[in-house]
Amino acid sequence: MSKSVEFYFDFGSPATYLAWTQLPKICAAAGAELVYKPMLLGGVFQATGNASPISIPSKGRFMLQDLQRFARRYQVPMQFSPYFPINTLTLMRGAVAVQLHLPERFDAYLTTIFQAMWVDALNLGDLAVLGKVLSEAGFDAQQLLALTSEQEVKDRLKATTEEAVQRGVFGAPSMFVGNELFFGQDRLDFVREALQG
């Protein structure tokens, strides 16, 4: 059986951005497939009773410092979004729509959204800003935003979110190697070890 990492993600999570900067390299080095599973983190929180660490002020302050530590370690740019948290429903439906209808542009979509959100710190909750970002990246923004309203797209996102909860996911990023769950971008060493095992 070929090795893979199933990556349950939501663009609204800064830790997910950091994990995304590293996972493709980890998977390539292990000869493993990286399987992207867009989910709605708000739906996961609702189903599990979990909440963003930022909702606890002392934990939130620590988390912001820790994320910067990891960004320096990974040597990647990161700017915490002043618009955090935003409703990511359109962004996540967009990921599903691109997976279904423009799979050859999926990596470009990921790069565009993660960069705009966690490097350029833009307000992607504003549809005008999102449309401009997508257009500048060579997407037909009007067409893509229209796809986010398709029932097939809505159903797929909902199903993947429910699947994540059933598998024990309570936050993002969450990664599976086989049936073993790894949560958080600070657990990537365990993902690497699991792929070698």
C-alpha atoms as a PDB file:
ATOM      1  CA  MET A   1       0.000   0.000   0.000  1.00  0.00           C
ATOM      2  CA  SER A   2       1.390   3.420  -0.948  1.00  0.00           C
ATOM      3  CA  LYS A   3       2.028   5.868   1.881  1.00  0.00           C
ATOM      4  CA  SER A   4      -0.017   9.016   2.240  1.00  0.00           C
ATOM      5  CA  VAL A   5      -0.758  11.890   4.592  1.00  0.00           C
ATOM      6  CA  GLU A   6      -4.378  13.006   4.755  1.00  0.00           C
ATOM      7  CA  PHE A   7      -4.324  16.710   5.591  1.00  0.00           C
ATOM      8  CA  TYR A   8      -7.537  18.126   7.063  1.00  0.00           C
ATOM      9  CA  PHE A   9      -7.192  21.885   6.833  1.00  0.00           C
ATOM     10  CA  ASP A  10      -8.904  25.268   7.019  1.00  0.00           C
ATOM     11  CA  PHE A  11      -7.244  28.453   5.734  1.00  0.00           C
ATOM     12  CA  GLY A  12      -8.371  30.318   8.866  1.00  0.00           C
ATOM     13  CA  SER A  13      -5.840  28.479  11.035  1.00  0.00           C
ATOM     14  CA  PRO A  14      -2.360  30.065  11.232  1.00  0.00           C
ATOM     15  CA  ALA A  15      -0.884  26.746  12.384  1.00  0.00           C
ATOM     16  CA  THR A  16      -2.342  25.159   9.249  1.00  0.00           C
ATOM     17  CA  TYR A  17      -0.460  27.705   7.120  1.00  0.00           C
ATOM     18  CA  LEU A  18       2.798  26.707   8.834  1.00  0.00           C
ATOM     19  CA  ALA A  19       2.074  22.982   8.371  1.00  0.00           C
ATOM     20  CA  TRP A  20       1.314  23.574   4.684  1.00  0.00           C
ATOM     21  CA  THR A  21       4.730  25.192   4.181  1.00  0.00           C
ATOM     22  CA  GLN A  22       6.406  21.955   5.354  1.00  0.00           C
ATOM     23  CA  LEU A  23       4.183  18.992   4.463  1.00  0.00           C
ATOM     24  CA  PRO A  24       4.876  18.858   0.703  1.00  0.00           C
ATOM     25  CA  LYS A  25       8.638  18.532   1.413  1.00  0.00           C
ATOM     26  CA  ILE A  26       8.068  15.917   4.118  1.00  0.00           C
ATOM     27  CA  CYS A  27       5.843  13.859   1.817  1.00  0.00           C
ATOM     28  CA  ALA A  28       8.194  14.196  -1.162  1.00  0.00           C
ATOM     29  CA  ALA A  29      11.156  13.006   0.932  1.00  0.00           C
ATOM     30  CA  ALA A  30       9.161   9.962   2.089  1.00  0.00           C
ATOM     31  CA  GLY A  31       7.715   9.191  -1.358  1.00  0.00           C
ATOM     32  CA  ALA A  32       4.244   9.745   0.103  1.00  0.00           C
ATOM     33  CA  GLU A  33       1.145  11.337  -1.377  1.00  0.00           C
ATOM     34  CA  LEU A  34      -0.247  14.453   0.302  1.00  0.00           C
ATOM     35  CA  VAL A  35      -4.050  14.189   0.241  1.00  0.00           C
ATOM     36  CA  TYR A  36      -5.768  17.533   0.861  1.00  0.00           C
ATOM     37  CA  LYS A  37      -9.048  17.408   2.790  1.00  0.00           C
ATOM     38  CA  PRO A  38     -10.692  20.847   2.989  1.00  0.00           C
ATOM     39  CA  MET A  39     -12.952  21.052   6.043  1.00  0.00           C
ATOM     40  CA  LEU A  40     -14.795  23.814   7.867  1.00  0.00           C
ATOM     41  CA  LEU A  41     -13.036  24.430  11.176  1.00  0.00           C
ATOM     42  CA  GLY A  42     -16.061  26.269  12.569  1.00  0.00           C
ATOM     43  CA  GLY A  43     -18.129  23.144  11.958  1.00  0.00           C
ATOM     44  CA  VAL A  44     -15.518  20.986  13.707  1.00  0.00           C
ATOM     45  CA  PHE A  45     -15.470  23.353  16.706  1.00  0.00           C
ATOM     46  CA  GLN A  46     -19.263  23.280  16.868  1.00  0.00           C
ATOM     47  CA  ALA A  47     -19.399  19.480  16.722  1.00  0.00           C
ATOM     48  CA  THR A  48     -16.631  18.906  19.290  1.00  0.00           C
ATOM     49  CA  GLY A  49     -17.120  21.810  21.700  1.00  0.00           C
ATOM     50  CA  ASN A  50     -13.611  23.057  20.926  1.00  0.00           C
ATOM     51  CA  ALA A  51     -12.649  26.711  20.350  1.00  0.00           C
ATOM     52  CA  SER A  52      -9.743  28.719  18.995  1.00  0.00           C
ATOM     53  CA  PRO A  53      -6.836  29.133  21.462  1.00  0.00           C
ATOM     54  CA  ILE A  54      -7.095  32.874  20.795  1.00  0.00           C
ATOM     55  CA  SER A  55     -10.348  32.882  22.794  1.00  0.00           C
ATOM     56  CA  ILE A  56      -8.264  32.444  25.980  1.00  0.00           C
ATOM     57  CA  PRO A  57      -6.175  35.658  26.209  1.00  0.00           C
ATOM     58  CA  SER A  58      -3.071  34.218  27.908  1.00  0.00           C
ATOM     59  CA  LYS A  59      -3.053  31.175  25.614  1.00  0.00           C
ATOM     60  CA  GLY A  60      -3.639  33.424  22.612  1.00  0.00           C
ATOM     61  CA  ARG A  61      -0.631  35.630  23.460  1.00  0.00           C
ATOM     62  CA  PHE A  62       1.571  32.543  23.864  1.00  0.00           C
ATOM     63  CA  MET A  63       0.291  31.041  20.619  1.00  0.00           C
ATOM     64  CA  LEU A  64       1.158  34.175  18.631  1.00  0.00           C
ATOM     65  CA  GLN A  65       4.743  34.062  19.955  1.00  0.00           C
ATOM     66  CA  ASP A  66       5.035  30.328  19.340  1.00  0.00           C
ATOM     67  CA  LEU A  67       3.786  30.618  15.753  1.00  0.00           C
ATOM     68  CA  GLN A  68       6.482  33.245  15.087  1.00  0.00           C
ATOM     69  CA  ARG A  69       9.118  30.909  16.566  1.00  0.00           C
ATOM     70  CA  PHE A  70       8.067  28.177  14.157  1.00  0.00           C
ATOM     71  CA  ALA A  71       7.951  30.571  11.198  1.00  0.00           C
ATOM     72  CA  ARG A  72      11.585  31.490  11.957  1.00  0.00           C
ATOM     73  CA  ARG A  73      12.531  27.829  12.347  1.00  0.00           C
ATOM     74  CA  TYR A  74      10.897  26.949   9.029  1.00  0.00           C
ATOM     75  CA  GLN A  75      12.326  30.126   7.442  1.00  0.00           C
ATOM     76  CA  VAL A  76       8.968  31.162   6.036  1.00  0.00           C
ATOM     77  CA  PRO A  77       7.294  34.579   6.104  1.00  0.00           C
ATOM     78  CA  MET A  78       4.331  35.011   8.391  1.00  0.00           C
ATOM     79  CA  GLN A  79       2.245  37.977   9.439  1.00  0.00           C
ATOM     80  CA  PHE A  80      -0.637  37.439  11.819  1.00  0.00           C
ATOM     81  CA  SER A  81      -3.856  38.613  10.225  1.00  0.00           C
ATOM     82  CA  PRO A  82      -5.444  41.589  12.000  1.00  0.00           C
ATOM     83  CA  TYR A  83      -8.782  40.289  10.640  1.00  0.00           C
ATOM     84  CA  PHE A  84      -8.475  36.955  12.476  1.00  0.00           C
ATOM     85  CA  PRO A  85     -10.748  35.122  12.904  1.00  0.00           C
ATOM     86  CA  ILE A  86     -12.796  35.351   9.720  1.00  0.00           C
ATOM     87  CA  ASN A  87     -15.613  33.181   8.404  1.00  0.00           C
ATOM     88  CA  THR A  88     -13.795  30.835   5.990  1.00  0.00           C
ATOM     89  CA  LEU A  89     -16.889  29.212   4.445  1.00  0.00           C
ATOM     90  CA  THR A  90     -16.353  30.792   1.005  1.00  0.00           C
ATOM     91  CA  LEU A  91     -12.599  30.078   1.051  1.00  0.00           C
ATOM     92  CA  MET A  92     -13.130  26.420   1.949  1.00  0.00           C
ATOM     93  CA  ARG A  93     -15.934  25.974  -0.587  1.00  0.00           C
ATOM     94  CA  GLY A  94     -13.523  27.544  -3.071  1.00  0.00           C
ATOM     95  CA  ALA A  95     -10.932  24.877  -2.252  1.00  0.00           C
ATOM     96  CA  VAL A  96     -13.506  22.145  -2.859  1.00  0.00           C
ATOM     97  CA  ALA A  97     -14.680  23.806  -6.091  1.00  0.00           C
ATOM     98  CA  VAL A  98     -11.128  23.988  -7.434  1.00  0.00           C
ATOM     99  CA  GLN A  99     -10.483  20.347  -6.431  1.00  0.00           C
ATOM    100  CA  LEU A 100     -13.608  19.262  -8.300  1.00  0.00           C
ATOM    101  CA  HIS A 101     -13.548  21.531 -11.351  1.00  0.00           C
ATOM    102  CA  LEU A 102      -9.986  22.898 -11.765  1.00  0.00           C
ATOM    103  CA  PRO A 103      -7.741  20.265 -10.138  1.00  0.00           C
ATOM    104  CA  GLU A 104      -4.721  21.409 -12.148  1.00  0.00           C
ATOM    105  CA  ARG A 105      -4.959  24.792 -10.362  1.00  0.00           C
ATOM    106  CA  PHE A 106      -5.423  23.456  -6.838  1.00  0.00           C
ATOM    107  CA  ASP A 107      -1.823  24.106  -5.748  1.00  0.00           C
ATOM    108  CA  ALA A 108      -2.086  27.637  -7.144  1.00  0.00           C
ATOM    109  CA  TYR A 109      -5.291  28.201  -5.174  1.00  0.00           C
ATOM    110  CA  LEU A 110      -3.670  26.997  -1.944  1.00  0.00           C
ATOM    111  CA  THR A 111      -0.646  29.230  -2.480  1.00  0.00           C
ATOM    112  CA  THR A 112      -2.814  32.231  -3.364  1.00  0.00           C
ATOM    113  CA  ILE A 113      -5.076  31.966  -0.310  1.00  0.00           C
ATOM    114  CA  PHE A 114      -2.413  31.066   2.257  1.00  0.00           C
ATOM    115  CA  GLN A 115      -0.138  33.859   0.974  1.00  0.00           C
ATOM    116  CA  ALA A 116      -2.904  36.473   0.985  1.00  0.00           C
ATOM    117  CA  MET A 117      -4.048  35.491   4.459  1.00  0.00           C
ATOM    118  CA  TRP A 118      -0.862  34.734   6.401  1.00  0.00           C
ATOM    119  CA  VAL A 119       1.863  36.646   4.540  1.00  0.00           C
ATOM    120  CA  ASP A 120       0.036  39.683   3.123  1.00  0.00           C
ATOM    121  CA  ALA A 121      -2.502  39.682   6.018  1.00  0.00           C
ATOM    122  CA  LEU A 122      -5.427  40.646   3.771  1.00  0.00           C
ATOM    123  CA  ASN A 123      -9.074  40.504   4.783  1.00  0.00           C
ATOM    124  CA  LEU A 124     -10.292  37.514   2.776  1.00  0.00           C
ATOM    125  CA  GLY A 125     -13.630  37.713   4.559  1.00  0.00           C
ATOM    126  CA  ASP A 126     -14.327  40.675   2.263  1.00  0.00           C
ATOM    127  CA  LEU A 127     -15.556  39.298  -1.090  1.00  0.00           C
ATOM    128  CA  ALA A 128     -14.195  42.324  -2.989  1.00  0.00           C
ATOM    129  CA  VAL A 129     -10.698  41.678  -1.574  1.00  0.00           C
ATOM    130  CA  LEU A 130     -10.990  37.940  -2.248  1.00  0.00           C
ATOM    131  CA  GLY A 131     -12.120  38.569  -5.829  1.00  0.00           C
ATOM    132  CA  LYS A 132      -9.153  40.872  -6.463  1.00  0.00           C
ATOM    133  CA  VAL A 133      -6.700  38.332  -4.974  1.00  0.00           C
ATOM    134  CA  LEU A 134      -8.121  35.529  -7.135  1.00  0.00           C
ATOM    135  CA  SER A 135      -8.085  37.649 -10.310  1.00  0.00           C
ATOM    136  CA  GLU A 136      -4.473  38.701  -9.740  1.00  0.00           C
ATOM    137  CA  ALA A 137      -3.559  35.009  -9.416  1.00  0.00           C
ATOM    138  CA  GLY A 138      -5.095  34.252 -12.814  1.00  0.00           C
ATOM    139  CA  PHE A 139      -8.415  32.816 -11.648  1.00  0.00           C
ATOM    140  CA  ASP A 140     -11.776  33.803 -13.093  1.00  0.00           C
ATOM    141  CA  ALA A 141     -12.975  35.157  -9.756  1.00  0.00           C
ATOM    142  CA  GLN A 142     -16.613  35.493 -10.814  1.00  0.00           C
ATOM    143  CA  GLN A 143     -16.723  31.909 -12.100  1.00  0.00           C
ATOM    144  CA  LEU A 144     -14.967  30.498  -9.027  1.00  0.00           C
ATOM    145  CA  LEU A 145     -17.159  32.388  -6.562  1.00  0.00           C
ATOM    146  CA  ALA A 146     -20.228  31.143  -8.481  1.00  0.00           C
ATOM    147  CA  LEU A 147     -18.975  27.556  -8.094  1.00  0.00           C
ATOM    148  CA  THR A 148     -18.917  27.977  -4.303  1.00  0.00           C
ATOM    149  CA  SER A 149     -22.734  28.091  -4.403  1.00  0.00           C
ATOM    150  CA  GLU A 150     -23.069  24.752  -6.222  1.00  0.00           C
ATOM    151  CA  GLN A 151     -24.832  22.060  -4.179  1.00  0.00           C
ATOM    152  CA  GLU A 152     -22.152  19.475  -5.031  1.00  0.00           C
ATOM    153  CA  VAL A 153     -19.471  21.765  -3.571  1.00  0.00           C
ATOM    154  CA  LYS A 154     -21.490  22.529  -0.433  1.00  0.00           C
ATOM    155  CA  ASP A 155     -22.249  18.824   0.096  1.00  0.00           C
ATOM    156  CA  ARG A 156     -18.614  17.770  -0.340  1.00  0.00           C
ATOM    157  CA  LEU A 157     -17.347  20.307   2.218  1.00  0.00           C
ATOM    158  CA  LYS A 158     -20.028  19.283   4.700  1.00  0.00           C
ATOM    159  CA  ALA A 159     -19.290  15.578   4.183  1.00  0.00           C
ATOM    160  CA  THR A 160     -15.527  16.033   4.652  1.00  0.00           C
ATOM    161  CA  THR A 161     -16.108  18.082   7.817  1.00  0.00           C
ATOM    162  CA  GLU A 162     -18.380  15.353   9.208  1.00  0.00           C
ATOM    163  CA  GLU A 163     -15.856  12.690   8.188  1.00  0.00           C
ATOM    164  CA  ALA A 164     -13.115  14.595  10.050  1.00  0.00           C
ATOM    165  CA  VAL A 165     -15.179  14.739  13.250  1.00  0.00           C
ATOM    166  CA  GLN A 166     -16.021  11.025  12.990  1.00  0.00           C
ATOM    167  CA  ARG A 167     -12.296  10.260  12.723  1.00  0.00           C
ATOM    168  CA  GLY A 168     -11.535  12.195  15.906  1.00  0.00           C
ATOM    169  CA  VAL A 169     -10.474  15.564  14.472  1.00  0.00           C
ATOM    170  CA  PHE A 170     -11.048  18.477  16.873  1.00  0.00           C
ATOM    171  CA  GLY A 171      -8.968  21.244  15.256  1.00  0.00           C
ATOM    172  CA  ALA A 172      -6.606  22.195  12.460  1.00  0.00           C
ATOM    173  CA  PRO A 173      -4.237  21.178  11.118  1.00  0.00           C
ATOM    174  CA  SER A 174      -5.001  17.490  11.531  1.00  0.00           C
ATOM    175  CA  MET A 175      -3.054  14.837   9.674  1.00  0.00           C
ATOM    176  CA  PHE A 176      -3.551  11.101   9.349  1.00  0.00           C
ATOM    177  CA  VAL A 177      -0.927   8.540   8.431  1.00  0.00           C
ATOM    178  CA  GLY A 178      -3.045   5.424   8.141  1.00  0.00           C
ATOM    179  CA  ASN A 179      -5.457   5.650  11.063  1.00  0.00           C
ATOM    180  CA  GLU A 180      -3.082   7.568  13.328  1.00  0.00           C
ATOM    181  CA  LEU A 181      -4.041  11.188  13.997  1.00  0.00           C
ATOM    182  CA  PHE A 182      -1.434  13.930  14.392  1.00  0.00           C
ATOM    183  CA  PHE A 183      -2.693  17.368  15.443  1.00  0.00           C
ATOM    184  CA  GLY A 184      -0.836  20.644  15.080  1.00  0.00           C
ATOM    185  CA  GLN A 185       2.035  21.906  12.972  1.00  0.00           C
ATOM    186  CA  ASP A 186       4.338  21.233  15.947  1.00  0.00           C
ATOM    187  CA  ARG A 187       3.794  17.478  15.455  1.00  0.00           C
ATOM    188  CA  LEU A 188       5.310  17.251  11.977  1.00  0.00           C
ATOM    189  CA  ASP A 189       8.314  15.290  13.263  1.00  0.00           C
ATOM    190  CA  PHE A 190       5.899  12.537  14.306  1.00  0.00           C
ATOM    191  CA  VAL A 191       4.324  12.625  10.829  1.00  0.00           C
ATOM    192  CA  ARG A 192       7.794  12.249   9.313  1.00  0.00           C
ATOM    193  CA  GLU A 193       8.580   9.300  11.619  1.00  0.00           C
ATOM    194  CA  ALA A 194       5.255   7.621  10.858  1.00  0.00           C
ATOM    195  CA  LEU A 195       6.003   7.816   7.127  1.00  0.00           C
ATOM    196  CA  GLN A 196       9.424   6.217   7.693  1.00  0.00           C
ATOM    197  CA  GLY A 197       7.966   3.435   9.863  1.00  0.00           C
END
